[in-house]
PDB file of N, CA and C in Angstrom:
ATOM      1  N   MET A   1     -71.052  40.867  33.531  1.00  0.00           N
ATOM      2  CA  MET A   1     -72.308  41.500  33.871  1.00  0.00           C
ATOM      3  C   MET A   1     -73.358  41.081  32.848  1.00  0.00           C
ATOM      4  N   ALA A   2     -74.575  40.987  33.265  1.00  0.00           N
ATOM      5  CA  ALA A   2     -75.674  40.566  32.398  1.00  0.00           C
ATOM      6  C   ALA A   2     -76.145  41.708  31.506  1.00  0.00           C
ATOM      7  N   VAL A   3     -76.801  41.325  30.440  1.00  0.00           N
ATOM      8  CA  VAL A   3     -77.366  42.304  29.520  1.00  0.00           C
ATOM      9  C   VAL A   3     -78.727  42.740  30.055  1.00  0.00           C
ATOM     10  N   ALA A   4     -78.923  44.048  30.142  1.00  0.00           N
ATOM     11  CA  ALA A   4     -80.210  44.601  30.570  1.00  0.00           C
ATOM     12  C   ALA A   4     -81.083  44.794  29.339  1.00  0.00           C
ATOM     13  N   ILE A   5     -82.331  44.342  29.428  1.00  0.00           N
ATOM     14  CA  ILE A   5     -83.278  44.453  28.315  1.00  0.00           C
ATOM     15  C   ILE A   5     -84.469  45.272  28.791  1.00  0.00           C
ATOM     16  N   ALA A   6     -84.832  46.286  28.005  1.00  0.00           N
ATOM     17  CA  ALA A   6     -85.982  47.128  28.341  1.00  0.00           C
ATOM     18  C   ALA A   6     -86.793  47.385  27.075  1.00  0.00           C
ATOM     19  N   THR A   7     -88.105  47.421  27.227  1.00  0.00           N
ATOM     20  CA  THR A   7     -89.001  47.676  26.099  1.00  0.00           C
ATOM     21  C   THR A   7     -89.714  48.995  26.326  1.00  0.00           C
ATOM     22  N   SER A   8     -89.866  49.771  25.253  1.00  0.00           N
ATOM     23  CA  SER A   8     -90.552  51.055  25.357  1.00  0.00           C
ATOM     24  C   SER A   8     -92.010  50.835  25.751  1.00  0.00           C
ATOM     25  N   THR A   9     -92.627  51.865  26.273  1.00  0.00           N
ATOM     26  CA  THR A   9     -94.002  51.774  26.760  1.00  0.00           C
ATOM     27  C   THR A   9     -94.966  51.275  25.693  1.00  0.00           C
ATOM     28  N   ASN A  10     -94.798  51.742  24.471  1.00  0.00           N
ATOM     29  CA  ASN A  10     -95.704  51.313  23.403  1.00  0.00           C
ATOM     30  C   ASN A  10     -95.250  50.017  22.725  1.00  0.00           C
ATOM     31  N   GLY A  11     -94.117  49.476  23.142  1.00  0.00           N
ATOM     32  CA  GLY A  11     -93.634  48.204  22.618  1.00  0.00           C
ATOM     33  C   GLY A  11     -92.952  48.271  21.268  1.00  0.00           C
ATOM     34  N   LYS A  12     -92.718  49.467  20.751  1.00  0.00           N
ATOM     35  CA  LYS A  12     -92.142  49.602  19.417  1.00  0.00           C
ATOM     36  C   LYS A  12     -90.620  49.385  19.404  1.00  0.00           C
ATOM     37  N   TYR A  13     -89.940  49.668  20.522  1.00  0.00           N
ATOM     38  CA  TYR A  13     -88.489  49.541  20.597  1.00  0.00           C
ATOM     39  C   TYR A  13     -88.070  48.733  21.820  1.00  0.00           C
ATOM     40  N   THR A  14     -86.968  48.010  21.675  1.00  0.00           N
ATOM     41  CA  THR A  14     -86.360  47.291  22.790  1.00  0.00           C
ATOM     42  C   THR A  14     -84.888  47.656  22.826  1.00  0.00           C
ATOM     43  N   THR A  15     -84.365  47.911  24.023  1.00  0.00           N
ATOM     44  CA  THR A  15     -82.939  48.191  24.160  1.00  0.00           C
ATOM     45  C   THR A  15     -82.253  47.016  24.852  1.00  0.00           C
ATOM     46  N   PHE A  16     -81.030  46.759  24.405  1.00  0.00           N
ATOM     47  CA  PHE A  16     -80.169  45.743  24.996  1.00  0.00           C
ATOM     48  C   PHE A  16     -78.886  46.467  25.384  1.00  0.00           C
ATOM     49  N   SER A  17     -78.514  46.434  26.659  1.00  0.00           N
ATOM     50  CA  SER A  17     -77.322  47.168  27.077  1.00  0.00           C
ATOM     51  C   SER A  17     -76.487  46.355  28.051  1.00  0.00           C
ATOM     52  N   SER A  18     -75.179  46.601  27.979  1.00  0.00           N
ATOM     53  CA  SER A  18     -74.237  45.940  28.873  1.00  0.00           C
ATOM     54  C   SER A  18     -73.190  46.958  29.293  1.00  0.00           C
ATOM     55  N   THR A  19     -72.842  46.941  30.575  1.00  0.00           N
ATOM     56  CA  THR A  19     -71.793  47.801  31.117  1.00  0.00           C
ATOM     57  C   THR A  19     -70.668  46.912  31.607  1.00  0.00           C
ATOM     58  N   ASN A  20     -69.423  47.256  31.188  1.00  0.00           N
ATOM     59  CA  ASN A  20     -68.293  46.432  31.545  1.00  0.00           C
ATOM     60  C   ASN A  20     -67.030  47.272  31.580  1.00  0.00           C
ATOM     61  N   ALA A  21     -65.951  46.698  32.112  1.00  0.00           N
ATOM     62  CA  ALA A  21     -64.665  47.408  32.179  1.00  0.00           C
ATOM     63  C   ALA A  21     -64.030  47.561  30.804  1.00  0.00           C
ATOM     64  N   THR A  22     -64.408  46.708  29.853  1.00  0.00           N
ATOM     65  CA  THR A  22     -63.886  46.848  28.493  1.00  0.00           C
ATOM     66  C   THR A  22     -65.044  46.951  27.509  1.00  0.00           C
ATOM     67  N   LEU A  23     -64.872  47.765  26.505  1.00  0.00           N
ATOM     68  CA  LEU A  23     -65.903  47.930  25.486  1.00  0.00           C
ATOM     69  C   LEU A  23     -66.097  46.633  24.708  1.00  0.00           C
ATOM     70  N   ALA A  24     -65.014  45.915  24.458  1.00  0.00           N
ATOM     71  CA  ALA A  24     -65.097  44.661  23.704  1.00  0.00           C
ATOM     72  C   ALA A  24     -65.998  43.643  24.404  1.00  0.00           C
ATOM     73  N   THR A  25     -65.901  43.555  25.715  1.00  0.00           N
ATOM     74  CA  THR A  25     -66.737  42.614  26.466  1.00  0.00           C
ATOM     75  C   THR A  25     -68.194  43.049  26.430  1.00  0.00           C
ATOM     76  N   ALA A  26     -68.449  44.324  26.613  1.00  0.00           N
ATOM     77  CA  ALA A  26     -69.823  44.836  26.560  1.00  0.00           C
ATOM     78  C   ALA A  26     -70.424  44.585  25.174  1.00  0.00           C
ATOM     79  N   LEU A  27     -69.660  44.829  24.136  1.00  0.00           N
ATOM     80  CA  LEU A  27     -70.101  44.595  22.764  1.00  0.00           C
ATOM     81  C   LEU A  27     -70.427  43.118  22.556  1.00  0.00           C
ATOM     82  N   SER A  28     -69.542  42.258  22.988  1.00  0.00           N
ATOM     83  CA  SER A  28     -69.736  40.815  22.830  1.00  0.00           C
ATOM     84  C   SER A  28     -70.992  40.340  23.544  1.00  0.00           C
ATOM     85  N   GLU A  29     -71.208  40.813  24.757  1.00  0.00           N
ATOM     86  CA  GLU A  29     -72.387  40.405  25.511  1.00  0.00           C
ATOM     87  C   GLU A  29     -73.679  40.829  24.817  1.00  0.00           C
ATOM     88  N   VAL A  30     -73.713  42.055  24.325  1.00  0.00           N
ATOM     89  CA  VAL A  30     -74.921  42.552  23.641  1.00  0.00           C
ATOM     90  C   VAL A  30     -75.149  41.786  22.340  1.00  0.00           C
ATOM     91  N   LEU A  31     -74.111  41.573  21.565  1.00  0.00           N
ATOM     92  CA  LEU A  31     -74.273  40.850  20.300  1.00  0.00           C
ATOM     93  C   LEU A  31     -74.732  39.418  20.530  1.00  0.00           C
ATOM     94  N   ASN A  32     -74.221  38.768  21.559  1.00  0.00           N
ATOM     95  CA  ASN A  32     -74.672  37.413  21.885  1.00  0.00           C
ATOM     96  C   ASN A  32     -76.149  37.412  22.261  1.00  0.00           C
ATOM     97  N   GLU A  33     -76.573  38.404  23.022  1.00  0.00           N
ATOM     98  CA  GLU A  33     -77.983  38.496  23.423  1.00  0.00           C
ATOM     99  C   GLU A  33     -78.878  38.766  22.219  1.00  0.00           C
ATOM    100  N   LEU A  34     -78.432  39.632  21.309  1.00  0.00           N
ATOM    101  CA  LEU A  34     -79.206  39.910  20.097  1.00  0.00           C
ATOM    102  C   LEU A  34     -79.355  38.647  19.265  1.00  0.00           C
ATOM    103  N   ASP A  35     -78.302  37.851  19.190  1.00  0.00           N
ATOM    104  CA  ASP A  35     -78.337  36.588  18.456  1.00  0.00           C
ATOM    105  C   ASP A  35     -79.344  35.636  19.094  1.00  0.00           C
ATOM    106  N   THR A  36     -79.368  35.587  20.415  1.00  0.00           N
ATOM    107  CA  THR A  36     -80.307  34.735  21.140  1.00  0.00           C
ATOM    108  C   THR A  36     -81.752  35.116  20.836  1.00  0.00           C
ATOM    109  N   HIS A  37     -82.003  36.414  20.673  1.00  0.00           N
ATOM    110  CA  HIS A  37     -83.353  36.917  20.401  1.00  0.00           C
ATOM    111  C   HIS A  37     -83.654  37.010  18.906  1.00  0.00           C
ATOM    112  N   ASN A  38     -82.717  36.572  18.056  1.00  0.00           N
ATOM    113  CA  ASN A  38     -82.900  36.585  16.596  1.00  0.00           C
ATOM    114  C   ASN A  38     -83.277  37.958  16.049  1.00  0.00           C
ATOM    115  N   LYS A  39     -82.603  39.000  16.541  1.00  0.00           N
ATOM    116  CA  LYS A  39     -82.877  40.359  16.076  1.00  0.00           C
ATOM    117  C   LYS A  39     -82.091  40.621  14.781  1.00  0.00           C
ATOM    118  N   PRO A  40     -82.763  41.042  13.701  1.00  0.00           N
ATOM    119  CA  PRO A  40     -82.065  41.319  12.438  1.00  0.00           C
ATOM    120  C   PRO A  40     -81.242  42.610  12.512  1.00  0.00           C
ATOM    121  N   MET A  41     -80.058  42.580  11.948  1.00  0.00           N
ATOM    122  CA  MET A  41     -79.164  43.738  11.965  1.00  0.00           C
ATOM    123  C   MET A  41     -79.765  44.945  11.247  1.00  0.00           C
ATOM    124  N   THR A  42     -80.671  44.719  10.327  1.00  0.00           N
ATOM    125  CA  THR A  42     -81.274  45.827   9.574  1.00  0.00           C
ATOM    126  C   THR A  42     -82.206  46.677  10.428  1.00  0.00           C
ATOM    127  N   LYS A  43     -82.607  46.162  11.605  1.00  0.00           N
ATOM    128  CA  LYS A  43     -83.528  46.905  12.477  1.00  0.00           C
ATOM    129  C   LYS A  43     -82.849  47.357  13.757  1.00  0.00           C
ATOM    130  N   LEU A  44     -81.519  47.492  13.729  1.00  0.00           N
ATOM    131  CA  LEU A  44     -80.767  47.855  14.929  1.00  0.00           C
ATOM    132  C   LEU A  44     -80.003  49.163  14.754  1.00  0.00           C
ATOM    133  N   ARG A  45     -79.859  49.889  15.849  1.00  0.00           N
ATOM    134  CA  ARG A  45     -78.981  51.056  15.953  1.00  0.00           C
ATOM    135  C   ARG A  45     -78.101  50.810  17.165  1.00  0.00           C
ATOM    136  N   PHE A  46     -76.852  51.271  17.088  1.00  0.00           N
ATOM    137  CA  PHE A  46     -75.906  51.033  18.172  1.00  0.00           C
ATOM    138  C   PHE A  46     -75.322  52.342  18.696  1.00  0.00           C
ATOM    139  N   THR A  47     -74.998  52.343  19.984  1.00  0.00           N
ATOM    140  CA  THR A  47     -74.301  53.468  20.586  1.00  0.00           C
ATOM    141  C   THR A  47     -73.471  52.948  21.751  1.00  0.00           C
ATOM    142  N   SER A  48     -72.435  53.687  22.090  1.00  0.00           N
ATOM    143  CA  SER A  48     -71.632  53.325  23.258  1.00  0.00           C
ATOM    144  C   SER A  48     -71.285  54.589  24.027  1.00  0.00           C
ATOM    145  N   VAL A  49     -71.147  54.439  25.320  1.00  0.00           N
ATOM    146  CA  VAL A  49     -70.796  55.550  26.207  1.00  0.00           C
ATOM    147  C   VAL A  49     -69.814  55.031  27.248  1.00  0.00           C
ATOM    148  N   PHE A  50     -69.111  55.963  27.907  1.00  0.00           N
ATOM    149  CA  PHE A  50     -68.225  55.570  28.997  1.00  0.00           C
ATOM    150  C   PHE A  50     -68.347  56.579  30.117  1.00  0.00           C
ATOM    151  N   ASP A  51     -67.988  56.143  31.331  1.00  0.00           N
ATOM    152  CA  ASP A  51     -68.096  57.036  32.480  1.00  0.00           C
ATOM    153  C   ASP A  51     -66.965  58.055  32.483  1.00  0.00           C
ATOM    154  N   ASP A  52     -67.019  59.009  33.385  1.00  0.00           N
ATOM    155  CA  ASP A  52     -66.037  60.095  33.450  1.00  0.00           C
ATOM    156  C   ASP A  52     -64.608  59.605  33.682  1.00  0.00           C
ATOM    157  N   THR A  53     -64.464  58.484  34.356  1.00  0.00           N
ATOM    158  CA  THR A  53     -63.122  57.969  34.643  1.00  0.00           C
ATOM    159  C   THR A  53     -62.582  57.099  33.515  1.00  0.00           C
ATOM    160  N   GLY A  54     -63.448  56.719  32.573  1.00  0.00           N
ATOM    161  CA  GLY A  54     -63.020  55.862  31.465  1.00  0.00           C
ATOM    162  C   GLY A  54     -62.812  54.417  31.885  1.00  0.00           C
ATOM    163  N   GLN A  55     -63.384  54.036  33.035  1.00  0.00           N
ATOM    164  CA  GLN A  55     -63.186  52.677  33.532  1.00  0.00           C
ATOM    165  C   GLN A  55     -64.389  51.768  33.297  1.00  0.00           C
ATOM    166  N   GLU A  56     -65.513  52.337  32.893  1.00  0.00           N
ATOM    167  CA  GLU A  56     -66.693  51.536  32.580  1.00  0.00           C
ATOM    168  C   GLU A  56     -67.269  51.979  31.244  1.00  0.00           C
ATOM    169  N   PHE A  57     -67.560  51.005  30.410  1.00  0.00           N
ATOM    170  CA  PHE A  57     -68.130  51.257  29.104  1.00  0.00           C
ATOM    171  C   PHE A  57     -69.507  50.621  29.031  1.00  0.00           C
ATOM    172  N   THR A  58     -70.427  51.303  28.365  1.00  0.00           N
ATOM    173  CA  THR A  58     -71.751  50.748  28.142  1.00  0.00           C
ATOM    174  C   THR A  58     -71.994  50.705  26.640  1.00  0.00           C
ATOM    175  N   PHE A  59     -72.405  49.546  26.162  1.00  0.00           N
ATOM    176  CA  PHE A  59     -72.751  49.373  24.755  1.00  0.00           C
ATOM    177  C   PHE A  59     -74.246  49.111  24.691  1.00  0.00           C
ATOM    178  N   ILE A  60     -74.945  49.836  23.814  1.00  0.00           N
ATOM    179  CA  ILE A  60     -76.401  49.773  23.734  1.00  0.00           C
ATOM    180  C   ILE A  60     -76.824  49.497  22.297  1.00  0.00           C
ATOM    181  N   ALA A  61     -77.740  48.552  22.158  1.00  0.00           N
ATOM    182  CA  ALA A  61     -78.373  48.286  20.860  1.00  0.00           C
ATOM    183  C   ALA A  61     -79.843  48.625  21.011  1.00  0.00           C
ATOM    184  N   ILE A  62     -80.367  49.380  20.055  1.00  0.00           N
ATOM    185  CA  ILE A  62     -81.787  49.736  20.042  1.00  0.00           C
ATOM    186  C   ILE A  62     -82.421  48.995  18.867  1.00  0.00           C
ATOM    187  N   ALA A  63     -83.389  48.140  19.179  1.00  0.00           N
ATOM    188  CA  ALA A  63     -84.031  47.323  18.152  1.00  0.00           C
ATOM    189  C   ALA A  63     -85.453  47.802  17.934  1.00  0.00           C
ATOM    190  N   LYS A  64     -85.813  47.953  16.657  1.00  0.00           N
ATOM    191  CA  LYS A  64     -87.199  48.272  16.319  1.00  0.00           C
ATOM    192  C   LYS A  64     -87.938  46.941  16.208  1.00  0.00           C
ATOM    193  N   ASN A  65     -88.998  46.794  16.981  1.00  0.00           N
ATOM    194  CA  ASN A  65     -89.739  45.519  17.002  1.00  0.00           C
ATOM    195  C   ASN A  65     -90.690  45.402  15.824  1.00  0.00           C
TER     196      ASN A  65
END
């Protein structure tokens, strides 16, 4: 699955998120996308969530622009 990228209305934050059957794959996809955009690790926050069945994981990186 592709990484979804969204920017806040005022442009101060950008989120990068991926949903996948495994957390490792979602993490890898987001980290690869962050690398492509040259986002510094010092300006990132991370979170992960999963659905009620535990079959889909979403990994989210929030970048301060």
